[in-house]
């Protein structure tokens, strides 16, 4: 069975300057994907091409094996059976919630339409609000209505364009998890576009990190965090710092904090790996806040330069004896003063190194 969505070597430009180049990925049935990246990276353009609002200049788009987009060939949006959820909800203010959800169900008879609306209201947790109007609902409730309206016609896939950006920060991740549960319950293949990694991690099975019109890495959230393909992904996903180091052999790299053991990624030299690296090959090693463990018994000391209280933990910026800085995620019971020296040790399971 073909993938629900296949994007192959997609390229596009609006003027002479390309906005997309060589974009390829696929989503299997029921999989939730995400295009994650900064503003202007091309992620919304990919969404528009998949939806059929624009035709690609290069490459092709296939839905369930059917070619729907290619140079000189673009199936109209209404024939693609794709649902859309926008950041501004796009609800009709003069229609009730029930009538908003029923908008795309005019092909059904009255009884079937009413049954589908009732089922979708139940699915999104708004069974008692059928006769309400959009302005009577909260932002999160309005977004659930927009989701119900998009899912009601049973599309073969769903596209979500920055769907939570108008909501409070505290609500975004919560709603992202709720939407994920709904999509999994309905068995819907979906593609989310966002610049917020917390939304992406909460919702997606697989994520493509984009920059300058290209996908830098298409991978699981876990691998993006622990095994970033390049510096851009390492810097964009999660927090961390790059410390200078040098390779001792194919399994060891030395930094100011000590010798790290593990697979040395192939990016750290030009030969495709450090198996043939001479001792002294210079690299930068990614250190995440969760790689630094607070340990009062450790002889290795670092000075607290900054601290950010985050409820369950502090995010400390620590100055190392040699002048380097690292971030440390420390339980909030350990409330250390600025300037204080605290014991730390390394707890690194994944060595991420880039050649300098």
C-alpha atoms as a PDB file:
ATOM      1  CA  UNK A   1       0.000   0.000   0.000  1.00  0.00           C
ATOM      2  CA  UNK A   2       1.460   3.421  -0.944  1.00  0.00           C
ATOM      3  CA  UNK A   3       2.094   6.044   1.717  1.00  0.00           C
ATOM      4  CA  UNK A   4      -0.742   8.485   2.335  1.00  0.00           C
ATOM      5  CA  UNK A   5       1.566  11.381   1.404  1.00  0.00           C
ATOM      6  CA  UNK A   6       4.717  11.336  -0.697  1.00  0.00           C
ATOM      7  CA  UNK A   7       6.670  14.492  -1.429  1.00  0.00           C
ATOM      8  CA  UNK A   8       9.504  13.938  -3.918  1.00  0.00           C
ATOM      9  CA  UNK A   9      12.260  16.487  -4.703  1.00  0.00           C
ATOM     10  CA  UNK A  10       9.867  19.412  -4.310  1.00  0.00           C
ATOM     11  CA  UNK A  11      11.143  22.759  -5.557  1.00  0.00           C
ATOM     12  CA  UNK A  12       9.413  26.117  -5.822  1.00  0.00           C
ATOM     13  CA  UNK A  13      10.085  29.801  -6.400  1.00  0.00           C
ATOM     14  CA  UNK A  14       7.964  32.926  -6.482  1.00  0.00           C
ATOM     15  CA  UNK A  15      10.565  35.119  -8.191  1.00  0.00           C
ATOM     16  CA  UNK A  16      14.044  34.138  -9.337  1.00  0.00           C
ATOM     17  CA  UNK A  17      15.017  33.165  -5.793  1.00  0.00           C
ATOM     18  CA  UNK A  18      14.119  29.559  -4.848  1.00  0.00           C
ATOM     19  CA  UNK A  19      12.020  29.161  -1.701  1.00  0.00           C
ATOM     20  CA  UNK A  20      12.138  25.331  -1.737  1.00  0.00           C
ATOM     21  CA  UNK A  21      14.794  22.964  -3.000  1.00  0.00           C
ATOM     22  CA  UNK A  22      14.855  19.169  -3.009  1.00  0.00           C
ATOM     23  CA  UNK A  23      12.220  18.672  -0.308  1.00  0.00           C
ATOM     24  CA  UNK A  24      11.385  14.965   0.099  1.00  0.00           C
ATOM     25  CA  UNK A  25       9.504  13.053   2.798  1.00  0.00           C
ATOM     26  CA  UNK A  26       6.545  10.727   3.233  1.00  0.00           C
ATOM     27  CA  UNK A  27       3.825   9.965   5.776  1.00  0.00           C
ATOM     28  CA  UNK A  28       2.291   6.540   6.226  1.00  0.00           C
ATOM     29  CA  UNK A  29      -1.383   6.053   6.962  1.00  0.00           C
ATOM     30  CA  UNK A  30      -2.285   7.354  10.434  1.00  0.00           C
ATOM     31  CA  UNK A  31       1.110   8.998  10.950  1.00  0.00           C
ATOM     32  CA  UNK A  32       1.410  12.556  12.253  1.00  0.00           C
ATOM     33  CA  UNK A  33       4.243  14.586  10.751  1.00  0.00           C
ATOM     34  CA  UNK A  34       5.504  18.092  11.344  1.00  0.00           C
ATOM     35  CA  UNK A  35       7.520  20.665   9.436  1.00  0.00           C
ATOM     36  CA  UNK A  36       9.408  22.657  12.072  1.00  0.00           C
ATOM     37  CA  UNK A  37      11.507  25.716  11.418  1.00  0.00           C
ATOM     38  CA  UNK A  38      11.937  29.488  11.732  1.00  0.00           C
ATOM     39  CA  UNK A  39       9.804  32.020   9.879  1.00  0.00           C
ATOM     40  CA  UNK A  40      10.642  32.177   6.184  1.00  0.00           C
ATOM     41  CA  UNK A  41      12.130  28.669   5.978  1.00  0.00           C
ATOM     42  CA  UNK A  42       9.523  27.472   3.445  1.00  0.00           C
ATOM     43  CA  UNK A  43       7.378  25.196   5.619  1.00  0.00           C
ATOM     44  CA  UNK A  44       4.070  26.968   4.882  1.00  0.00           C
ATOM     45  CA  UNK A  45       4.877  26.932   1.153  1.00  0.00           C
ATOM     46  CA  UNK A  46       5.155  23.131   1.336  1.00  0.00           C
ATOM     47  CA  UNK A  47       1.741  23.014   3.011  1.00  0.00           C
ATOM     48  CA  UNK A  48       0.189  25.219   0.322  1.00  0.00           C
ATOM     49  CA  UNK A  49       1.614  23.013  -2.433  1.00  0.00           C
ATOM     50  CA  UNK A  50       0.229  19.874  -0.782  1.00  0.00           C
ATOM     51  CA  UNK A  51      -3.173  21.546  -0.362  1.00  0.00           C
ATOM     52  CA  UNK A  52      -3.194  22.549  -4.035  1.00  0.00           C
ATOM     53  CA  UNK A  53      -3.215  26.313  -3.538  1.00  0.00           C
ATOM     54  CA  UNK A  54      -0.046  26.535  -5.654  1.00  0.00           C
ATOM     55  CA  UNK A  55       1.593  24.197  -8.200  1.00  0.00           C
ATOM     56  CA  UNK A  56       5.243  23.169  -7.642  1.00  0.00           C
ATOM     57  CA  UNK A  57       7.936  24.234 -10.094  1.00  0.00           C
ATOM     58  CA  UNK A  58       9.870  21.002  -9.514  1.00  0.00           C
ATOM     59  CA  UNK A  59       9.208  17.531  -8.119  1.00  0.00           C
ATOM     60  CA  UNK A  60       5.855  15.960  -7.364  1.00  0.00           C
ATOM     61  CA  UNK A  61       3.284  15.297  -4.666  1.00  0.00           C
ATOM     62  CA  UNK A  62       1.355  12.012  -4.389  1.00  0.00           C
ATOM     63  CA  UNK A  63      -1.645  11.231  -2.210  1.00  0.00           C
ATOM     64  CA  UNK A  64      -2.344   7.515  -1.722  1.00  0.00           C
ATOM     65  CA  UNK A  65      -0.249   6.864  -4.834  1.00  0.00           C
ATOM     66  CA  UNK A  66      -2.088   9.410  -7.009  1.00  0.00           C
ATOM     67  CA  UNK A  67      -0.004  12.228  -8.451  1.00  0.00           C
ATOM     68  CA  UNK A  68      -1.815  15.427  -7.446  1.00  0.00           C
ATOM     69  CA  UNK A  69       0.913  18.054  -7.901  1.00  0.00           C
ATOM     70  CA  UNK A  70       3.762  18.433 -10.379  1.00  0.00           C
ATOM     71  CA  UNK A  71       4.971  21.056 -12.887  1.00  0.00           C
ATOM     72  CA  UNK A  72       2.056  21.592 -15.257  1.00  0.00           C
ATOM     73  CA  UNK A  73      -0.196  19.247 -13.308  1.00  0.00           C
ATOM     74  CA  UNK A  74      -2.201  20.306 -10.249  1.00  0.00           C
ATOM     75  CA  UNK A  75      -5.357  18.598  -9.032  1.00  0.00           C
ATOM     76  CA  UNK A  76      -7.745  21.296  -7.691  1.00  0.00           C
ATOM     77  CA  UNK A  77      -7.814  21.613  -3.865  1.00  0.00           C
ATOM     78  CA  UNK A  78     -11.442  20.515  -3.630  1.00  0.00           C
ATOM     79  CA  UNK A  79     -10.620  17.224  -5.363  1.00  0.00           C
ATOM     80  CA  UNK A  80      -7.730  16.276  -3.067  1.00  0.00           C
ATOM     81  CA  UNK A  81      -9.908  15.330  -0.044  1.00  0.00           C
ATOM     82  CA  UNK A  82      -7.644  17.234   2.315  1.00  0.00           C
ATOM     83  CA  UNK A  83      -8.843  18.942   5.506  1.00  0.00           C
ATOM     84  CA  UNK A  84      -7.290  22.235   6.647  1.00  0.00           C
ATOM     85  CA  UNK A  85      -6.984  23.817  10.095  1.00  0.00           C
ATOM     86  CA  UNK A  86      -5.670  27.401  10.213  1.00  0.00           C
ATOM     87  CA  UNK A  87      -4.175  29.486  13.023  1.00  0.00           C
ATOM     88  CA  UNK A  88      -7.097  31.943  12.973  1.00  0.00           C
ATOM     89  CA  UNK A  89      -9.700  29.112  13.147  1.00  0.00           C
ATOM     90  CA  UNK A  90     -11.630  30.619  10.147  1.00  0.00           C
ATOM     91  CA  UNK A  91     -15.016  29.851  11.739  1.00  0.00           C
ATOM     92  CA  UNK A  92     -18.170  31.473  10.429  1.00  0.00           C
ATOM     93  CA  UNK A  93     -19.215  33.912  13.190  1.00  0.00           C
ATOM     94  CA  UNK A  94     -22.894  33.962  12.152  1.00  0.00           C
ATOM     95  CA  UNK A  95     -23.267  30.172  12.294  1.00  0.00           C
ATOM     96  CA  UNK A  96     -23.679  27.975  15.367  1.00  0.00           C
ATOM     97  CA  UNK A  97     -20.989  25.466  16.253  1.00  0.00           C
ATOM     98  CA  UNK A  98     -23.099  22.648  14.815  1.00  0.00           C
ATOM     99  CA  UNK A  99     -23.644  24.495  11.542  1.00  0.00           C
ATOM    100  CA  UNK A 100     -19.934  25.340  11.310  1.00  0.00           C
ATOM    101  CA  UNK A 101     -19.062  21.654  11.610  1.00  0.00           C
ATOM    102  CA  UNK A 102     -21.781  20.710   9.094  1.00  0.00           C
ATOM    103  CA  UNK A 103     -20.525  23.165   6.471  1.00  0.00           C
ATOM    104  CA  UNK A 104     -18.636  20.507   4.490  1.00  0.00           C
ATOM    105  CA  UNK A 105     -21.353  17.872   4.803  1.00  0.00           C
ATOM    106  CA  UNK A 106     -23.878  19.201   2.320  1.00  0.00           C
ATOM    107  CA  UNK A 107     -23.553  16.006   0.282  1.00  0.00           C
ATOM    108  CA  UNK A 108     -25.204  14.052   3.139  1.00  0.00           C
ATOM    109  CA  UNK A 109     -28.901  13.877   3.902  1.00  0.00           C
ATOM    110  CA  UNK A 110     -30.177  15.669   7.018  1.00  0.00           C
ATOM    111  CA  UNK A 111     -30.096  12.616   9.262  1.00  0.00           C
ATOM    112  CA  UNK A 112     -26.586  11.529   8.317  1.00  0.00           C
ATOM    113  CA  UNK A 113     -25.362  15.119   8.598  1.00  0.00           C
ATOM    114  CA  UNK A 114     -26.804  15.523  12.114  1.00  0.00           C
ATOM    115  CA  UNK A 115     -25.302  12.205  13.210  1.00  0.00           C
ATOM    116  CA  UNK A 116     -21.838  13.119  11.935  1.00  0.00           C
ATOM    117  CA  UNK A 117     -21.970  16.553  13.618  1.00  0.00           C
ATOM    118  CA  UNK A 118     -23.007  14.959  16.912  1.00  0.00           C
ATOM    119  CA  UNK A 119     -20.193  12.418  16.644  1.00  0.00           C
ATOM    120  CA  UNK A 120     -17.591  15.108  15.961  1.00  0.00           C
ATOM    121  CA  UNK A 121     -18.826  17.283  18.847  1.00  0.00           C
ATOM    122  CA  UNK A 122     -18.441  14.261  21.115  1.00  0.00           C
ATOM    123  CA  UNK A 123     -14.970  13.543  19.727  1.00  0.00           C
ATOM    124  CA  UNK A 124     -13.652  17.052  20.418  1.00  0.00           C
ATOM    125  CA  UNK A 125     -15.334  17.324  23.830  1.00  0.00           C
ATOM    126  CA  UNK A 126     -17.977  19.928  22.927  1.00  0.00           C
ATOM    127  CA  UNK A 127     -21.131  17.820  22.948  1.00  0.00           C
ATOM    128  CA  UNK A 128     -23.065  20.390  24.951  1.00  0.00           C
ATOM    129  CA  UNK A 129     -22.168  23.422  22.836  1.00  0.00           C
ATOM    130  CA  UNK A 130     -23.852  22.643  19.508  1.00  0.00           C
ATOM    131  CA  UNK A 131     -26.067  25.764  19.613  1.00  0.00           C
ATOM    132  CA  UNK A 132     -23.342  28.154  20.810  1.00  0.00           C
ATOM    133  CA  UNK A 133     -21.682  30.689  18.514  1.00  0.00           C
ATOM    134  CA  UNK A 134     -17.903  30.988  18.041  1.00  0.00           C
ATOM    135  CA  UNK A 135     -17.609  34.209  20.079  1.00  0.00           C
ATOM    136  CA  UNK A 136     -19.065  32.356  23.075  1.00  0.00           C
ATOM    137  CA  UNK A 137     -16.192  29.877  23.145  1.00  0.00           C
ATOM    138  CA  UNK A 138     -12.606  30.156  24.346  1.00  0.00           C
ATOM    139  CA  UNK A 139      -9.733  30.108  21.887  1.00  0.00           C
ATOM    140  CA  UNK A 140      -8.976  26.462  22.647  1.00  0.00           C
ATOM    141  CA  UNK A 141     -12.623  25.507  22.153  1.00  0.00           C
ATOM    142  CA  UNK A 142     -12.773  27.402  18.855  1.00  0.00           C
ATOM    143  CA  UNK A 143      -9.723  25.507  17.632  1.00  0.00           C
ATOM    144  CA  UNK A 144     -11.397  22.210  18.544  1.00  0.00           C
ATOM    145  CA  UNK A 145     -14.430  23.301  16.491  1.00  0.00           C
ATOM    146  CA  UNK A 146     -12.128  24.063  13.543  1.00  0.00           C
ATOM    147  CA  UNK A 147     -10.631  20.596  13.936  1.00  0.00           C
ATOM    148  CA  UNK A 148     -14.081  18.972  14.051  1.00  0.00           C
ATOM    149  CA  UNK A 149     -15.136  20.849  10.905  1.00  0.00           C
ATOM    150  CA  UNK A 150     -12.009  19.704   9.059  1.00  0.00           C
ATOM    151  CA  UNK A 151     -12.456  16.066  10.144  1.00  0.00           C
ATOM    152  CA  UNK A 152     -16.211  15.862   9.572  1.00  0.00           C
ATOM    153  CA  UNK A 153     -16.035  15.047   5.795  1.00  0.00           C
ATOM    154  CA  UNK A 154     -13.539  12.241   6.557  1.00  0.00           C
ATOM    155  CA  UNK A 155     -10.570  13.638   4.581  1.00  0.00           C
ATOM    156  CA  UNK A 156      -7.754  11.323   3.559  1.00  0.00           C
ATOM    157  CA  UNK A 157      -5.355  13.628   5.380  1.00  0.00           C
ATOM    158  CA  UNK A 158      -5.295  16.799   7.475  1.00  0.00           C
ATOM    159  CA  UNK A 159      -3.036  19.851   7.181  1.00  0.00           C
ATOM    160  CA  UNK A 160      -2.571  22.150  10.182  1.00  0.00           C
ATOM    161  CA  UNK A 161      -0.980  25.584   9.642  1.00  0.00           C
ATOM    162  CA  UNK A 162       0.381  27.006  12.939  1.00  0.00           C
ATOM    163  CA  UNK A 163      -2.885  25.906  14.597  1.00  0.00           C
ATOM    164  CA  UNK A 164      -1.991  26.894  18.166  1.00  0.00           C
ATOM    165  CA  UNK A 165      -0.091  30.158  17.659  1.00  0.00           C
ATOM    166  CA  UNK A 166      -3.007  32.358  18.785  1.00  0.00           C
ATOM    167  CA  UNK A 167      -3.320  30.537  22.114  1.00  0.00           C
ATOM    168  CA  UNK A 168      -1.643  31.138  25.458  1.00  0.00           C
ATOM    169  CA  UNK A 169       1.695  29.366  25.864  1.00  0.00           C
ATOM    170  CA  UNK A 170       0.335  27.207  28.698  1.00  0.00           C
ATOM    171  CA  UNK A 171      -2.543  26.016  26.507  1.00  0.00           C
ATOM    172  CA  UNK A 172      -0.568  25.205  23.374  1.00  0.00           C
ATOM    173  CA  UNK A 173       1.113  22.000  24.484  1.00  0.00           C
ATOM    174  CA  UNK A 174      -2.025  20.786  26.290  1.00  0.00           C
ATOM    175  CA  UNK A 175      -4.161  21.291  23.183  1.00  0.00           C
ATOM    176  CA  UNK A 176      -1.484  19.755  20.961  1.00  0.00           C
ATOM    177  CA  UNK A 177      -1.670  16.577  23.046  1.00  0.00           C
ATOM    178  CA  UNK A 178      -5.482  16.618  22.882  1.00  0.00           C
ATOM    179  CA  UNK A 179      -5.442  17.057  19.096  1.00  0.00           C
ATOM    180  CA  UNK A 180      -2.923  14.222  18.763  1.00  0.00           C
ATOM    181  CA  UNK A 181      -5.255  11.922  20.736  1.00  0.00           C
ATOM    182  CA  UNK A 182      -8.188  12.888  18.488  1.00  0.00           C
ATOM    183  CA  UNK A 183      -6.226  12.286  15.278  1.00  0.00           C
ATOM    184  CA  UNK A 184      -5.005   8.908  16.522  1.00  0.00           C
ATOM    185  CA  UNK A 185      -8.543   7.983  17.546  1.00  0.00           C
ATOM    186  CA  UNK A 186      -9.818   8.895  14.069  1.00  0.00           C
ATOM    187  CA  UNK A 187      -6.839   7.258  12.321  1.00  0.00           C
ATOM    188  CA  UNK A 188      -6.104  10.459  10.373  1.00  0.00           C
ATOM    189  CA  UNK A 189      -2.796  11.131   8.631  1.00  0.00           C
ATOM    190  CA  UNK A 190      -1.770  14.711   9.418  1.00  0.00           C
ATOM    191  CA  UNK A 191       0.942  17.253   8.703  1.00  0.00           C
ATOM    192  CA  UNK A 192       1.537  20.130  11.122  1.00  0.00           C
ATOM    193  CA  UNK A 193       3.497  23.301  10.396  1.00  0.00           C
ATOM    194  CA  UNK A 194       4.937  25.200  13.357  1.00  0.00           C
ATOM    195  CA  UNK A 195       7.947  27.128  14.630  1.00  0.00           C
ATOM    196  CA  UNK A 196       7.354  25.873  18.196  1.00  0.00           C
ATOM    197  CA  UNK A 197       9.305  22.729  19.042  1.00  0.00           C
ATOM    198  CA  UNK A 198       7.180  22.024  22.136  1.00  0.00           C
ATOM    199  CA  UNK A 199       4.070  21.755  19.935  1.00  0.00           C
ATOM    200  CA  UNK A 200       5.978  19.626  17.450  1.00  0.00           C
ATOM    201  CA  UNK A 201       7.284  17.243  20.118  1.00  0.00           C
ATOM    202  CA  UNK A 202       3.876  16.970  21.806  1.00  0.00           C
ATOM    203  CA  UNK A 203       2.024  16.129  18.605  1.00  0.00           C
ATOM    204  CA  UNK A 204       4.215  14.578  15.918  1.00  0.00           C
ATOM    205  CA  UNK A 205       5.497  11.059  15.294  1.00  0.00           C
ATOM    206  CA  UNK A 206       8.118  12.368  12.880  1.00  0.00           C
ATOM    207  CA  UNK A 207       9.487  15.880  12.300  1.00  0.00           C
ATOM    208  CA  UNK A 208      11.290  17.600   9.454  1.00  0.00           C
ATOM    209  CA  UNK A 209      13.472  20.492  10.607  1.00  0.00           C
ATOM    210  CA  UNK A 210      13.593  23.067   7.804  1.00  0.00           C
ATOM    211  CA  UNK A 211      15.946  25.936   7.033  1.00  0.00           C
ATOM    212  CA  UNK A 212      16.438  27.976   3.838  1.00  0.00           C
ATOM    213  CA  UNK A 213      13.883  25.940   1.886  1.00  0.00           C
ATOM    214  CA  UNK A 214      15.363  22.514   2.617  1.00  0.00           C
ATOM    215  CA  UNK A 215      14.776  19.774   5.166  1.00  0.00           C
ATOM    216  CA  UNK A 216      17.868  19.507   7.346  1.00  0.00           C
ATOM    217  CA  UNK A 217      16.714  16.315   9.075  1.00  0.00           C
ATOM    218  CA  UNK A 218      13.545  14.183   8.893  1.00  0.00           C
ATOM    219  CA  UNK A 219      13.443  12.044  12.004  1.00  0.00           C
ATOM    220  CA  UNK A 220      11.730  11.159  15.269  1.00  0.00           C
ATOM    221  CA  UNK A 221      11.652  13.833  17.996  1.00  0.00           C
ATOM    222  CA  UNK A 222      14.001  11.667  20.104  1.00  0.00           C
ATOM    223  CA  UNK A 223      16.629  11.433  17.367  1.00  0.00           C
ATOM    224  CA  UNK A 224      16.395  15.136  16.526  1.00  0.00           C
ATOM    225  CA  UNK A 225      17.251  15.953  20.132  1.00  0.00           C
ATOM    226  CA  UNK A 226      19.879  13.298  20.783  1.00  0.00           C
ATOM    227  CA  UNK A 227      21.332  12.781  17.275  1.00  0.00           C
ATOM    228  CA  UNK A 228      21.024  16.072  15.352  1.00  0.00           C
ATOM    229  CA  UNK A 229      22.350  15.846  11.809  1.00  0.00           C
ATOM    230  CA  UNK A 230      24.087  19.239  11.804  1.00  0.00           C
ATOM    231  CA  UNK A 231      24.692  22.397  13.826  1.00  0.00           C
ATOM    232  CA  UNK A 232      21.470  24.033  12.714  1.00  0.00           C
ATOM    233  CA  UNK A 233      19.348  21.171  14.031  1.00  0.00           C
ATOM    234  CA  UNK A 234      21.437  21.000  17.221  1.00  0.00           C
ATOM    235  CA  UNK A 235      20.910  24.709  17.874  1.00  0.00           C
ATOM    236  CA  UNK A 236      17.244  24.859  16.825  1.00  0.00           C
ATOM    237  CA  UNK A 237      16.002  21.810  18.708  1.00  0.00           C
ATOM    238  CA  UNK A 238      16.309  21.983  22.475  1.00  0.00           C
ATOM    239  CA  UNK A 239      18.911  23.941  24.407  1.00  0.00           C
ATOM    240  CA  UNK A 240      22.601  23.404  24.735  1.00  0.00           C
ATOM    241  CA  UNK A 241      26.091  24.719  24.086  1.00  0.00           C
ATOM    242  CA  UNK A 242      28.966  23.591  21.888  1.00  0.00           C
ATOM    243  CA  UNK A 243      32.247  23.020  23.729  1.00  0.00           C
ATOM    244  CA  UNK A 244      35.594  22.648  21.934  1.00  0.00           C
ATOM    245  CA  UNK A 245      37.213  19.236  22.006  1.00  0.00           C
ATOM    246  CA  UNK A 246      39.535  16.948  20.140  1.00  0.00           C
ATOM    247  CA  UNK A 247      39.139  13.375  19.017  1.00  0.00           C
ATOM    248  CA  UNK A 248      41.328  10.759  20.676  1.00  0.00           C
ATOM    249  CA  UNK A 249      40.109   7.850  18.557  1.00  0.00           C
ATOM    250  CA  UNK A 250      36.944   6.559  16.900  1.00  0.00           C
ATOM    251  CA  UNK A 251      35.246   6.096  20.290  1.00  0.00           C
ATOM    252  CA  UNK A 252      36.615   8.924  22.444  1.00  0.00           C
ATOM    253  CA  UNK A 253      36.628  12.714  22.394  1.00  0.00           C
ATOM    254  CA  UNK A 254      38.135  14.942  25.068  1.00  0.00           C
ATOM    255  CA  UNK A 255      36.556  18.201  26.275  1.00  0.00           C
ATOM    256  CA  UNK A 256      37.257  20.416  29.282  1.00  0.00           C
ATOM    257  CA  UNK A 257      34.930  18.314  31.419  1.00  0.00           C
ATOM    258  CA  UNK A 258      36.726  15.054  30.627  1.00  0.00           C
ATOM    259  CA  UNK A 259      36.802  12.249  28.082  1.00  0.00           C
ATOM    260  CA  UNK A 260      33.511  11.193  26.511  1.00  0.00           C
ATOM    261  CA  UNK A 261      33.043   7.699  25.156  1.00  0.00           C
ATOM    262  CA  UNK A 262      30.641   6.712  22.381  1.00  0.00           C
ATOM    263  CA  UNK A 263      30.129   6.735  18.642  1.00  0.00           C
ATOM    264  CA  UNK A 264      31.769   9.845  17.174  1.00  0.00           C
ATOM    265  CA  UNK A 265      29.401  11.132  14.434  1.00  0.00           C
ATOM    266  CA  UNK A 266      30.646  11.192  10.863  1.00  0.00           C
ATOM    267  CA  UNK A 267      30.379  14.972  10.591  1.00  0.00           C
ATOM    268  CA  UNK A 268      33.523  15.435  12.631  1.00  0.00           C
ATOM    269  CA  UNK A 269      35.874  14.720   9.761  1.00  0.00           C
ATOM    270  CA  UNK A 270      35.953  14.674   5.985  1.00  0.00           C
ATOM    271  CA  UNK A 271      36.606  10.955   5.540  1.00  0.00           C
ATOM    272  CA  UNK A 272      33.154   9.765   6.636  1.00  0.00           C
ATOM    273  CA  UNK A 273      34.037   9.000  10.265  1.00  0.00           C
ATOM    274  CA  UNK A 274      36.743   9.319  12.875  1.00  0.00           C
ATOM    275  CA  UNK A 275      37.930   5.725  12.521  1.00  0.00           C
ATOM    276  CA  UNK A 276      40.847   7.090  10.478  1.00  0.00           C
ATOM    277  CA  UNK A 277      41.158  10.411  12.299  1.00  0.00           C
ATOM    278  CA  UNK A 278      44.526  11.412  13.660  1.00  0.00           C
ATOM    279  CA  UNK A 279      44.602  12.253  17.339  1.00  0.00           C
ATOM    280  CA  UNK A 280      43.856  15.940  17.713  1.00  0.00           C
ATOM    281  CA  UNK A 281      41.082  16.298  15.139  1.00  0.00           C
ATOM    282  CA  UNK A 282      39.241  19.374  16.434  1.00  0.00           C
ATOM    283  CA  UNK A 283      35.509  19.192  17.016  1.00  0.00           C
ATOM    284  CA  UNK A 284      32.705  20.947  18.853  1.00  0.00           C
ATOM    285  CA  UNK A 285      30.689  18.758  21.210  1.00  0.00           C
ATOM    286  CA  UNK A 286      27.039  19.438  21.982  1.00  0.00           C
ATOM    287  CA  UNK A 287      26.259  19.519  25.704  1.00  0.00           C
ATOM    288  CA  UNK A 288      22.564  19.571  26.665  1.00  0.00           C
ATOM    289  CA  UNK A 289      21.280  20.817  30.061  1.00  0.00           C
ATOM    290  CA  UNK A 290      20.314  17.246  30.968  1.00  0.00           C
ATOM    291  CA  UNK A 291      23.894  16.089  30.253  1.00  0.00           C
ATOM    292  CA  UNK A 292      25.151  18.002  33.312  1.00  0.00           C
ATOM    293  CA  UNK A 293      24.303  16.354  36.638  1.00  0.00           C
ATOM    294  CA  UNK A 294      24.459  18.339  39.872  1.00  0.00           C
ATOM    295  CA  UNK A 295      26.548  16.366  42.380  1.00  0.00           C
ATOM    296  CA  UNK A 296      27.791  17.920  45.638  1.00  0.00           C
ATOM    297  CA  UNK A 297      30.314  15.099  46.034  1.00  0.00           C
ATOM    298  CA  UNK A 298      31.966  15.733  42.680  1.00  0.00           C
ATOM    299  CA  UNK A 299      35.442  17.343  42.663  1.00  0.00           C
ATOM    300  CA  UNK A 300      34.534  19.081  39.392  1.00  0.00           C
ATOM    301  CA  UNK A 301      33.241  22.567  40.266  1.00  0.00           C
ATOM    302  CA  UNK A 302      31.472  25.211  38.183  1.00  0.00           C
ATOM    303  CA  UNK A 303      30.341  28.721  39.092  1.00  0.00           C
ATOM    304  CA  UNK A 304      26.701  29.791  38.876  1.00  0.00           C
ATOM    305  CA  UNK A 305      26.501  32.769  36.497  1.00  0.00           C
ATOM    306  CA  UNK A 306      22.749  32.840  35.816  1.00  0.00           C
ATOM    307  CA  UNK A 307      19.676  31.018  37.056  1.00  0.00           C
ATOM    308  CA  UNK A 308      16.130  30.753  35.750  1.00  0.00           C
ATOM    309  CA  UNK A 309      13.489  29.290  38.056  1.00  0.00           C
ATOM    310  CA  UNK A 310      11.064  27.090  36.114  1.00  0.00           C
ATOM    311  CA  UNK A 311       8.965  25.586  38.900  1.00  0.00           C
ATOM    312  CA  UNK A 312      10.155  22.003  39.123  1.00  0.00           C
ATOM    313  CA  UNK A 313      13.740  22.912  38.248  1.00  0.00           C
ATOM    314  CA  UNK A 314      16.290  25.640  37.731  1.00  0.00           C
ATOM    315  CA  UNK A 315      18.133  26.225  34.473  1.00  0.00           C
ATOM    316  CA  UNK A 316      21.617  27.245  35.570  1.00  0.00           C
ATOM    317  CA  UNK A 317      24.265  28.826  33.364  1.00  0.00           C
ATOM    318  CA  UNK A 318      27.559  27.559  34.765  1.00  0.00           C
ATOM    319  CA  UNK A 319      31.071  28.860  34.123  1.00  0.00           C
ATOM    320  CA  UNK A 320      33.717  26.164  33.929  1.00  0.00           C
ATOM    321  CA  UNK A 321      37.268  26.649  35.329  1.00  0.00           C
ATOM    322  CA  UNK A 322      38.657  26.952  31.802  1.00  0.00           C
ATOM    323  CA  UNK A 323      36.188  29.687  30.845  1.00  0.00           C
ATOM    324  CA  UNK A 324      33.644  27.614  28.960  1.00  0.00           C
ATOM    325  CA  UNK A 325      29.954  27.717  29.843  1.00  0.00           C
ATOM    326  CA  UNK A 326      27.338  24.987  30.060  1.00  0.00           C
ATOM    327  CA  UNK A 327      23.662  24.832  30.948  1.00  0.00           C
ATOM    328  CA  UNK A 328      22.416  22.548  33.710  1.00  0.00           C
ATOM    329  CA  UNK A 329      18.882  21.449  34.535  1.00  0.00           C
ATOM    330  CA  UNK A 330      18.799  21.071  38.322  1.00  0.00           C
ATOM    331  CA  UNK A 331      16.011  20.067  40.706  1.00  0.00           C
ATOM    332  CA  UNK A 332      14.414  23.208  42.191  1.00  0.00           C
ATOM    333  CA  UNK A 333      15.248  22.090  45.752  1.00  0.00           C
ATOM    334  CA  UNK A 334      18.855  22.997  44.939  1.00  0.00           C
ATOM    335  CA  UNK A 335      18.592  26.789  45.066  1.00  0.00           C
ATOM    336  CA  UNK A 336      22.160  28.026  44.657  1.00  0.00           C
ATOM    337  CA  UNK A 337      23.241  31.663  44.757  1.00  0.00           C
ATOM    338  CA  UNK A 338      24.859  33.538  41.887  1.00  0.00           C
ATOM    339  CA  UNK A 339      28.614  33.214  42.157  1.00  0.00           C
ATOM    340  CA  UNK A 340      28.406  29.978  44.150  1.00  0.00           C
ATOM    341  CA  UNK A 341      30.508  27.020  43.017  1.00  0.00           C
ATOM    342  CA  UNK A 342      28.669  23.726  42.744  1.00  0.00           C
ATOM    343  CA  UNK A 343      29.761  20.191  42.028  1.00  0.00           C
ATOM    344  CA  UNK A 344      28.854  18.719  38.637  1.00  0.00           C
ATOM    345  CA  UNK A 345      29.518  15.559  36.658  1.00  0.00           C
ATOM    346  CA  UNK A 346      28.753  14.374  33.143  1.00  0.00           C
ATOM    347  CA  UNK A 347      25.870  12.067  32.303  1.00  0.00           C
ATOM    348  CA  UNK A 348      26.116  11.858  28.505  1.00  0.00           C
ATOM    349  CA  UNK A 349      24.653   8.888  26.646  1.00  0.00           C
ATOM    350  CA  UNK A 350      24.831  10.368  23.128  1.00  0.00           C
ATOM    351  CA  UNK A 351      28.038  12.004  21.877  1.00  0.00           C
ATOM    352  CA  UNK A 352      27.223  14.688  19.299  1.00  0.00           C
ATOM    353  CA  UNK A 353      30.314  16.219  17.693  1.00  0.00           C
ATOM    354  CA  UNK A 354      30.795  18.488  14.699  1.00  0.00           C
ATOM    355  CA  UNK A 355      34.099  19.092  12.938  1.00  0.00           C
ATOM    356  CA  UNK A 356      35.537  22.605  13.245  1.00  0.00           C
END
